[in-house]
N, C-alpha and C. Protein backbone atom coordinates (compact mmCIF):
# COMPACT_ATOMS: atom_id res chain seq x y z
N MET A 1 3.03 12.64 51.89
CA MET A 1 2.59 13.66 50.95
C MET A 1 3.75 13.44 49.68
N TRP A 2 4.94 13.26 49.83
CA TRP A 2 5.87 13.08 48.79
C TRP A 2 5.37 11.95 47.85
N GLU A 3 5.03 10.75 48.58
CA GLU A 3 4.59 9.63 47.83
C GLU A 3 3.28 9.86 46.97
N LEU A 4 2.47 10.68 47.44
CA LEU A 4 1.25 11.00 46.83
C LEU A 4 1.59 11.77 45.54
N ILE A 5 2.43 12.75 45.60
CA ILE A 5 2.92 13.61 44.36
C ILE A 5 3.67 12.76 43.55
N HIS A 6 4.53 11.80 43.98
CA HIS A 6 5.30 10.98 43.04
C HIS A 6 4.49 10.06 42.39
N THR A 7 3.40 9.41 43.08
CA THR A 7 2.52 8.51 42.29
C THR A 7 1.60 9.24 41.39
N LYS A 8 1.20 10.64 41.65
CA LYS A 8 0.26 11.19 40.83
C LYS A 8 1.19 11.55 39.49
N HIS A 9 2.48 11.79 39.70
CA HIS A 9 3.32 12.33 38.49
C HIS A 9 3.52 11.11 37.77
N ASN A 10 3.82 9.89 38.20
CA ASN A 10 3.94 8.61 37.57
C ASN A 10 2.69 8.24 36.76
N SER A 11 1.55 8.37 37.40
CA SER A 11 0.41 8.03 36.72
C SER A 11 0.10 9.01 35.48
N ILE A 12 0.42 10.27 35.61
CA ILE A 12 0.53 11.25 34.43
C ILE A 12 1.38 10.83 33.28
N SER A 13 2.47 10.38 33.76
CA SER A 13 3.60 10.09 32.65
C SER A 13 3.12 8.67 31.88
N ALA A 14 2.66 7.68 32.77
CA ALA A 14 2.16 6.50 32.16
C ALA A 14 0.83 6.78 31.20
N GLY A 15 0.15 7.81 31.64
CA GLY A 15 -0.97 8.11 30.82
C GLY A 15 -0.63 8.68 29.51
N GLN A 16 0.59 9.55 29.67
CA GLN A 16 0.96 10.15 28.29
C GLN A 16 1.74 9.03 27.42
N GLU A 17 2.40 8.06 27.96
CA GLU A 17 3.03 7.10 27.26
C GLU A 17 1.98 6.09 26.61
N LEU A 18 0.86 5.88 27.19
CA LEU A 18 -0.11 4.99 26.65
C LEU A 18 -0.87 5.79 25.59
N ALA A 19 -0.98 7.15 25.74
CA ALA A 19 -1.68 7.95 24.57
C ALA A 19 -0.61 7.83 23.43
N GLN A 20 0.66 7.89 23.74
CA GLN A 20 1.51 7.91 22.53
C GLN A 20 1.54 6.53 21.71
N MET A 21 1.45 5.49 22.63
CA MET A 21 1.38 4.13 22.05
C MET A 21 0.24 4.00 21.25
N ARG A 22 -0.98 4.41 21.73
CA ARG A 22 -2.22 4.43 20.93
C ARG A 22 -1.98 5.01 19.67
N GLU A 23 -1.54 6.31 19.66
CA GLU A 23 -1.29 7.05 18.44
C GLU A 23 -0.39 6.39 17.44
N GLU A 24 0.58 5.86 17.88
CA GLU A 24 1.61 4.90 17.11
C GLU A 24 0.74 3.83 16.39
N LEU A 25 -0.06 3.07 17.32
CA LEU A 25 -0.73 1.99 16.73
C LEU A 25 -1.67 2.17 15.70
N ILE A 26 -2.36 3.50 15.91
CA ILE A 26 -3.40 3.87 14.92
C ILE A 26 -2.52 4.17 13.67
N ASN A 27 -1.32 4.84 13.70
CA ASN A 27 -0.49 5.26 12.50
C ASN A 27 -0.16 4.00 11.86
N ILE A 28 0.31 2.94 12.63
CA ILE A 28 0.78 1.60 12.04
C ILE A 28 -0.33 0.99 11.23
N GLY A 29 -1.47 1.00 11.88
CA GLY A 29 -2.45 0.50 11.29
C GLY A 29 -2.98 1.10 9.97
N GLU A 30 -3.00 2.40 9.99
CA GLU A 30 -3.37 3.09 8.67
C GLU A 30 -2.33 2.96 7.56
N LYS A 31 -1.07 2.90 7.89
CA LYS A 31 0.15 2.42 7.07
C LYS A 31 -0.31 1.02 6.57
N GLU A 32 -0.64 0.00 7.31
CA GLU A 32 -0.80 -1.20 6.81
C GLU A 32 -1.99 -1.29 5.96
N ARG A 33 -3.04 -0.50 6.24
CA ARG A 33 -4.35 -0.45 5.34
C ARG A 33 -3.97 0.14 3.98
N ILE A 34 -3.07 1.03 3.95
CA ILE A 34 -2.55 1.72 2.79
C ILE A 34 -1.96 0.71 1.78
N LEU A 35 -0.89 0.01 2.44
CA LEU A 35 -0.20 -1.02 1.66
C LEU A 35 -0.92 -2.19 1.23
N LYS A 36 -2.00 -2.48 2.00
CA LYS A 36 -2.76 -3.65 1.46
C LYS A 36 -3.69 -3.12 0.27
N GLU A 37 -4.04 -1.80 0.38
CA GLU A 37 -4.88 -1.50 -0.91
C GLU A 37 -4.01 -1.27 -2.01
N ARG A 38 -2.74 -0.67 -1.82
CA ARG A 38 -1.81 -0.72 -2.98
C ARG A 38 -1.58 -2.04 -3.61
N ASN A 39 -1.28 -2.95 -2.73
CA ASN A 39 -1.10 -4.52 -3.19
C ASN A 39 -2.31 -4.93 -4.09
N ALA A 40 -3.43 -4.68 -3.44
CA ALA A 40 -4.64 -5.15 -4.19
C ALA A 40 -4.81 -4.63 -5.50
N ASP A 41 -4.30 -3.22 -5.57
CA ASP A 41 -4.37 -2.48 -6.88
C ASP A 41 -3.49 -3.15 -7.84
N ARG A 42 -2.21 -3.68 -7.39
CA ARG A 42 -1.33 -4.11 -8.28
C ARG A 42 -1.77 -5.47 -8.75
N GLU A 43 -2.23 -6.25 -7.95
CA GLU A 43 -2.88 -7.52 -8.28
C GLU A 43 -3.94 -7.42 -9.25
N ALA A 44 -4.90 -6.56 -9.04
CA ALA A 44 -5.68 -6.29 -10.04
C ALA A 44 -5.13 -5.77 -11.33
N TYR A 45 -4.23 -4.92 -11.35
CA TYR A 45 -3.74 -4.41 -12.63
C TYR A 45 -3.01 -5.61 -13.47
N ARG A 46 -2.26 -6.50 -12.58
CA ARG A 46 -1.49 -7.64 -13.09
C ARG A 46 -2.59 -8.53 -13.86
N TYR A 47 -3.63 -8.74 -13.11
CA TYR A 47 -4.87 -9.58 -13.69
C TYR A 47 -5.37 -9.15 -14.99
N LEU A 48 -5.65 -7.83 -14.87
CA LEU A 48 -6.14 -7.20 -16.14
C LEU A 48 -5.20 -7.25 -17.38
N LEU A 49 -4.00 -6.89 -16.86
CA LEU A 49 -2.87 -7.13 -18.07
C LEU A 49 -2.77 -8.40 -18.68
N ASP A 50 -2.79 -9.28 -17.80
CA ASP A 50 -2.50 -10.73 -18.18
C ASP A 50 -3.79 -11.14 -19.18
N ALA A 51 -4.96 -10.77 -18.66
CA ALA A 51 -6.24 -11.03 -19.43
C ALA A 51 -6.24 -10.25 -20.81
N HIS A 52 -5.68 -9.16 -20.80
CA HIS A 52 -5.57 -8.32 -21.97
C HIS A 52 -4.62 -9.06 -23.00
N ARG A 53 -3.44 -9.43 -22.29
CA ARG A 53 -2.38 -10.16 -23.19
C ARG A 53 -2.98 -11.45 -23.78
N LEU A 54 -3.69 -12.27 -23.10
CA LEU A 54 -4.38 -13.51 -23.58
C LEU A 54 -5.32 -13.01 -24.68
N PHE A 55 -6.14 -12.15 -24.39
CA PHE A 55 -7.17 -11.64 -25.50
C PHE A 55 -6.37 -11.17 -26.75
N ALA A 56 -5.26 -10.28 -26.56
CA ALA A 56 -4.58 -9.82 -27.74
C ALA A 56 -3.89 -10.86 -28.55
N ARG A 57 -3.31 -11.91 -27.77
CA ARG A 57 -2.63 -12.96 -28.44
C ARG A 57 -3.44 -13.76 -29.35
N GLU A 58 -4.73 -14.02 -28.89
CA GLU A 58 -5.77 -14.79 -29.71
C GLU A 58 -6.35 -13.82 -30.97
N GLY A 59 -6.18 -12.62 -30.73
CA GLY A 59 -6.78 -11.81 -31.66
C GLY A 59 -5.90 -11.20 -32.84
N PHE A 60 -4.46 -11.24 -32.60
CA PHE A 60 -3.46 -10.66 -33.33
C PHE A 60 -2.53 -11.70 -33.76
N SER A 61 -1.92 -11.43 -34.91
CA SER A 61 -0.92 -12.46 -35.48
C SER A 61 0.34 -12.31 -34.62
N ASP A 62 1.33 -13.26 -34.88
CA ASP A 62 2.68 -13.06 -33.96
C ASP A 62 3.52 -11.85 -34.44
N GLU A 63 3.21 -11.17 -35.64
CA GLU A 63 4.00 -10.14 -36.02
C GLU A 63 3.59 -8.83 -35.51
N GLU A 64 2.34 -8.77 -35.01
CA GLU A 64 1.72 -7.51 -34.41
C GLU A 64 2.00 -7.54 -32.91
N LEU A 65 2.54 -6.38 -32.50
CA LEU A 65 2.76 -6.12 -30.82
C LEU A 65 1.71 -5.12 -30.47
N LEU A 66 1.34 -5.41 -29.14
CA LEU A 66 0.48 -4.63 -28.44
C LEU A 66 1.32 -3.92 -27.48
N ASN A 67 1.25 -2.66 -27.34
CA ASN A 67 1.98 -1.98 -26.40
C ASN A 67 1.05 -1.44 -25.23
N ILE A 68 1.43 -1.88 -23.94
CA ILE A 68 0.57 -1.59 -22.80
C ILE A 68 1.58 -0.78 -21.82
N CYS A 69 1.19 0.49 -21.46
CA CYS A 69 1.88 1.20 -20.63
C CYS A 69 1.36 1.20 -19.31
N PRO A 70 2.06 0.79 -18.25
CA PRO A 70 1.56 0.95 -16.88
C PRO A 70 1.29 2.13 -16.47
N PRO A 71 0.45 2.25 -15.48
CA PRO A 71 -0.16 3.71 -14.91
C PRO A 71 1.16 4.36 -14.55
N GLY A 72 1.41 5.77 -14.88
CA GLY A 72 2.70 6.49 -14.30
C GLY A 72 3.75 6.27 -15.29
N ALA A 73 3.98 5.40 -16.19
CA ALA A 73 5.08 5.03 -17.03
C ALA A 73 5.11 5.93 -18.10
N ASP A 74 6.34 6.42 -18.60
CA ASP A 74 6.38 7.13 -19.71
C ASP A 74 6.48 6.39 -20.90
N GLU A 75 6.39 6.92 -22.17
CA GLU A 75 6.31 6.17 -23.47
C GLU A 75 7.54 5.42 -23.53
N GLY A 76 8.57 5.63 -23.01
CA GLY A 76 9.83 4.95 -23.39
C GLY A 76 10.05 3.57 -22.77
N SER A 77 9.11 3.52 -21.85
CA SER A 77 9.17 2.12 -21.04
C SER A 77 7.88 1.34 -21.13
N GLN A 78 7.27 1.37 -22.35
CA GLN A 78 5.95 0.69 -22.70
C GLN A 78 6.57 -0.86 -22.88
N LEU A 79 5.53 -1.81 -22.45
CA LEU A 79 5.72 -3.10 -22.46
C LEU A 79 5.06 -3.72 -23.77
N ALA A 80 5.87 -4.70 -24.43
CA ALA A 80 5.33 -5.22 -25.49
C ALA A 80 4.71 -6.63 -25.23
N ALA A 81 3.55 -6.94 -25.53
CA ALA A 81 2.92 -8.26 -25.51
C ALA A 81 3.31 -9.21 -26.42
């Protein structure tokens, strides 16, 4: 009888641990997905910024500067191309 109760208790504990592990894996997967999306957004922004700089370099003289502000930056931290 004691063995049956002990075995049942262990199986419940193991089931709870598996459920927690699954939840943690889901959370880790979601965090990885978000980080990949952010990285892709940064890469796209860099690509567009580089393309804009190349276009601006061809269209303006060396004396003219083009200020491009990254998303979320204030006016004091604008970049000059």
